[in-house]
C-alpha atoms as a PDB file:
ATOM      1  CA  MET A   1       0.193  -0.057   0.510  1.00  0.00           C
ATOM      2  CA  PRO A   2       1.135   3.854  -0.528  1.00  0.00           C
ATOM      3  CA  LEU A   3       2.271   5.749   2.159  1.00  0.00           C
ATOM      4  CA  TYR A   4       0.972   9.735   2.083  1.00  0.00           C
ATOM      5  CA  GLU A   5       1.263  12.657   4.765  1.00  0.00           C
ATOM      6  CA  HIS A   6      -2.225  14.978   4.055  1.00  0.00           C
ATOM      7  CA  VAL A   7      -1.149  18.243   5.819  1.00  0.00           C
ATOM      8  CA  PHE A   8      -4.714  20.491   6.059  1.00  0.00           C
ATOM      9  CA  LEU A   9      -5.045  23.962   7.414  1.00  0.00           C
ATOM     10  CA  ALA A  10      -8.110  24.946   9.255  1.00  0.00           C
ATOM     11  CA  ARG A  11     -10.017  28.205   9.504  1.00  0.00           C
ATOM     12  CA  GLN A  12      -8.302  30.404  12.859  1.00  0.00           C
ATOM     13  CA  ASP A  13     -11.510  30.957  14.402  1.00  0.00           C
ATOM     14  CA  LEU A  14     -12.640  27.321  15.051  1.00  0.00           C
ATOM     15  CA  SER A  15     -11.792  25.760  18.034  1.00  0.00           C
ATOM     16  CA  GLN A  16      -9.890  22.892  18.775  1.00  0.00           C
ATOM     17  CA  ALA A  17     -13.046  20.363  18.897  1.00  0.00           C
ATOM     18  CA  GLN A  18     -14.228  21.339  15.774  1.00  0.00           C
ATOM     19  CA  VAL A  19     -10.482  20.503  14.519  1.00  0.00           C
ATOM     20  CA  ASP A  20     -10.555  17.587  15.494  1.00  0.00           C
ATOM     21  CA  THR A  21     -13.959  16.741  14.129  1.00  0.00           C
ATOM     22  CA  LEU A  22     -12.426  17.327  10.206  1.00  0.00           C
ATOM     23  CA  ALA A  23      -9.564  15.641  11.429  1.00  0.00           C
ATOM     24  CA  ALA A  24     -12.118  12.330  12.589  1.00  0.00           C
ATOM     25  CA  THR A  25     -13.638  13.071   9.340  1.00  0.00           C
ATOM     26  CA  ALA A  26     -11.018  12.832   6.918  1.00  0.00           C
ATOM     27  CA  THR A  27      -9.895   9.651   8.816  1.00  0.00           C
ATOM     28  CA  GLU A  28     -13.079   8.504   8.247  1.00  0.00           C
ATOM     29  CA  ILE A  29     -12.802   9.269   4.939  1.00  0.00           C
ATOM     30  CA  VAL A  30      -9.545   7.304   3.988  1.00  0.00           C
ATOM     31  CA  GLU A  31     -11.094   4.361   6.611  1.00  0.00           C
ATOM     32  CA  SER A  32     -14.374   3.495   5.111  1.00  0.00           C
ATOM     33  CA  ASN A  33     -12.575   3.487   1.741  1.00  0.00           C
ATOM     34  CA  ASN A  34     -10.651   0.579   2.514  1.00  0.00           C
ATOM     35  CA  GLY A  35      -7.262   2.850   3.529  1.00  0.00           C
ATOM     36  CA  LYS A  36      -5.776   3.398   7.121  1.00  0.00           C
ATOM     37  CA  VAL A  37      -4.233   7.019   9.354  1.00  0.00           C
ATOM     38  CA  THR A  38      -1.753   5.619  11.441  1.00  0.00           C
ATOM     39  CA  LYS A  39      -0.798   8.340  13.219  1.00  0.00           C
ATOM     40  CA  THR A  40      -2.819  12.349  13.464  1.00  0.00           C
ATOM     41  CA  GLU A  41      -0.977  14.864  14.739  1.00  0.00           C
ATOM     42  CA  THR A  42      -2.356  18.544  15.943  1.00  0.00           C
ATOM     43  CA  TRP A  43       0.341  21.339  15.250  1.00  0.00           C
ATOM     44  CA  GLY A  44      -1.957  23.656  16.982  1.00  0.00           C
ATOM     45  CA  LEU A  45      -3.120  27.570  16.254  1.00  0.00           C
ATOM     46  CA  ARG A  46       0.275  28.618  14.341  1.00  0.00           C
ATOM     47  CA  SER A  47       0.870  31.877  12.633  1.00  0.00           C
ATOM     48  CA  LEU A  48       0.803  31.835   8.419  1.00  0.00           C
ATOM     49  CA  ALA A  49       3.770  33.250   6.627  1.00  0.00           C
ATOM     50  CA  TYR A  50       0.956  35.527   4.118  1.00  0.00           C
ATOM     51  CA  LYS A  51      -3.065  35.924   4.879  1.00  0.00           C
ATOM     52  CA  ILE A  52      -4.904  32.861   2.986  1.00  0.00           C
ATOM     53  CA  GLN A  53      -8.743  33.992   2.862  1.00  0.00           C
ATOM     54  CA  LYS A  54      -8.204  36.755   5.246  1.00  0.00           C
ATOM     55  CA  ASN A  55      -6.792  34.612   8.071  1.00  0.00           C
ATOM     56  CA  ARG A  56      -3.605  35.177   9.104  1.00  0.00           C
ATOM     57  CA  LYS A  57      -2.881  32.010  11.357  1.00  0.00           C
ATOM     58  CA  ALA A  58      -4.488  28.610  11.035  1.00  0.00           C
ATOM     59  CA  HIS A  59      -4.718  25.041  12.995  1.00  0.00           C
ATOM     60  CA  PHE A  60      -2.537  22.688  11.130  1.00  0.00           C
ATOM     61  CA  VAL A  61      -3.033  18.951  11.251  1.00  0.00           C
ATOM     62  CA  LEU A  62      -1.019  16.470  10.043  1.00  0.00           C
ATOM     63  CA  LEU A  63      -2.459  12.739   9.143  1.00  0.00           C
ATOM     64  CA  ASN A  64      -0.287   9.626   8.000  1.00  0.00           C
ATOM     65  CA  ILE A  65      -2.134   7.376   5.088  1.00  0.00           C
ATOM     66  CA  GLU A  66      -1.395   3.800   3.983  1.00  0.00           C
ATOM     67  CA  ALA A  67      -3.921   4.237   1.251  1.00  0.00           C
ATOM     68  CA  SER A  68      -4.233   3.383  -3.143  1.00  0.00           C
ATOM     69  CA  GLY A  69      -4.644   6.522  -4.681  1.00  0.00           C
ATOM     70  CA  ASP A  70      -8.045   6.548  -5.447  1.00  0.00           C
ATOM     71  CA  VAL A  71      -8.697   7.214  -1.174  1.00  0.00           C
ATOM     72  CA  ILE A  72      -6.162  10.265  -1.356  1.00  0.00           C
ATOM     73  CA  ALA A  73      -8.244  11.622  -4.041  1.00  0.00           C
ATOM     74  CA  GLU A  74     -11.857  10.984  -2.507  1.00  0.00           C
ATOM     75  CA  LEU A  75     -10.014  12.294   0.117  1.00  0.00           C
ATOM     76  CA  GLU A  76      -8.388  16.020  -1.544  1.00  0.00           C
ATOM     77  CA  ARG A  77     -12.242  15.899  -2.795  1.00  0.00           C
ATOM     78  CA  GLN A  78     -14.030  15.783   0.447  1.00  0.00           C
ATOM     79  CA  THR A  79     -11.421  18.277   1.591  1.00  0.00           C
ATOM     80  CA  GLN A  80     -11.892  20.934  -1.299  1.00  0.00           C
ATOM     81  CA  ILE A  81     -15.442  21.260  -0.838  1.00  0.00           C
ATOM     82  CA  ASN A  82     -15.625  21.667   3.581  1.00  0.00           C
ATOM     83  CA  GLU A  83     -15.305  25.353   3.125  1.00  0.00           C
ATOM     84  CA  ASP A  84     -14.033  25.429   7.122  1.00  0.00           C
ATOM     85  CA  VAL A  85      -9.847  24.425   5.284  1.00  0.00           C
ATOM     86  CA  ILE A  86      -8.732  26.992   3.958  1.00  0.00           C
ATOM     87  CA  ARG A  87      -5.318  24.867   2.070  1.00  0.00           C
ATOM     88  CA  TYR A  88      -4.377  20.965   2.663  1.00  0.00           C
ATOM     89  CA  MET A  89      -1.564  19.282   0.748  1.00  0.00           C
ATOM     90  CA  THR A  90      -0.507  15.406  -0.016  1.00  0.00           C
ATOM     91  CA  VAL A  91       2.387  14.123  -0.546  1.00  0.00           C
ATOM     92  CA  ARG A  92       3.570  10.539  -1.192  1.00  0.00           C
ATOM     93  CA  VAL A  93       6.376   9.361   1.330  1.00  0.00           C
ATOM     94  CA  ASP A  94       8.420   6.346   0.779  1.00  0.00           C
ATOM     95  CA  GLU A  95       8.537   5.807   4.619  1.00  0.00           C
ATOM     96  CA  HIS A  96       6.437   7.552   7.744  1.00  0.00           C
ATOM     97  CA  GLU A  97       8.398   9.073  10.424  1.00  0.00           C
ATOM     98  CA  GLY A  98       9.344   6.872  13.254  1.00  0.00           C
ATOM     99  CA  GLY A  99       7.472   9.136  16.677  1.00  0.00           C
ATOM    100  CA  PRO A 100       6.871  12.987  16.848  1.00  0.00           C
ATOM    101  CA  SER A 101       7.613  14.872  13.503  1.00  0.00           C
ATOM    102  CA  VAL A 102       9.630  18.082  13.193  1.00  0.00           C
ATOM    103  CA  MET A 103       7.089  20.091  14.226  1.00  0.00           C
ATOM    104  CA  MET A 104       6.219  18.210  17.370  1.00  0.00           C
ATOM    105  CA  ARG A 105       9.806  18.308  18.099  1.00  0.00           C
ATOM    106  CA  LYS A 106      10.287  22.022  17.400  1.00  0.00           C
ATOM    107  CA  ASN A 107       7.393  22.458  19.869  1.00  0.00           C
ATOM    108  CA  ASP A 108       8.836  20.508  22.475  1.00  0.00           C
ATOM    109  CA  ARG A 109      12.492  22.424  22.305  1.00  0.00           C
ATOM    110  CA  GLU A 110      10.918  26.212  22.139  1.00  0.00           C
ATOM    111  CA  ARG A 111       9.264  24.664  25.436  1.00  0.00           C
ATOM    112  CA  SER A 112      12.196  23.289  27.197  1.00  0.00           C
ATOM    113  CA  ARG A 113      13.828  26.887  26.089  1.00  0.00           C
ATOM    114  CA  ARG A 114      11.591  28.901  27.697  1.00  0.00           C
ATOM    115  CA  ARG A 115      11.889  27.129  30.932  1.00  0.00           C
ATOM    116  CA  GLU A 116      15.303  27.257  30.634  1.00  0.00           C
ATOM    117  CA  ARG A 117      15.404  30.650  29.908  1.00  0.00           C
ATOM    118  CA  GLU A 118      12.400  31.244  33.315  1.00  0.00           C
ATOM    119  CA  GLY A 119      14.074  29.166  35.517  1.00  0.00           C
ATOM    120  CA  GLU A 120      17.644  31.419  35.107  1.00  0.00           C
END
């Protein structure tokens, strides 16, 4: 089965519960079409480099997917229709990264640096 990473950006005015629902909906689409979501990561509300549809920030979500191309096409079609999603990108990969993604490790490093500065 081919492996994919699917990242989508949700509008800034959504609550975390609504973002989790969007991720669950995407997982449901994949699994109903005989695919498998191996990992879901929510990267949180982050600033964008530039405005997208009048949004300066967005909720970032990563899904690691094992599925055929038809499943990904359906997922992208459904994502395109959803007006809460402002951008998405699906990339085929040779293998999924083990453990937390680079973005999650970056957040951990930033937290530990803040703690060190506050402790000094």
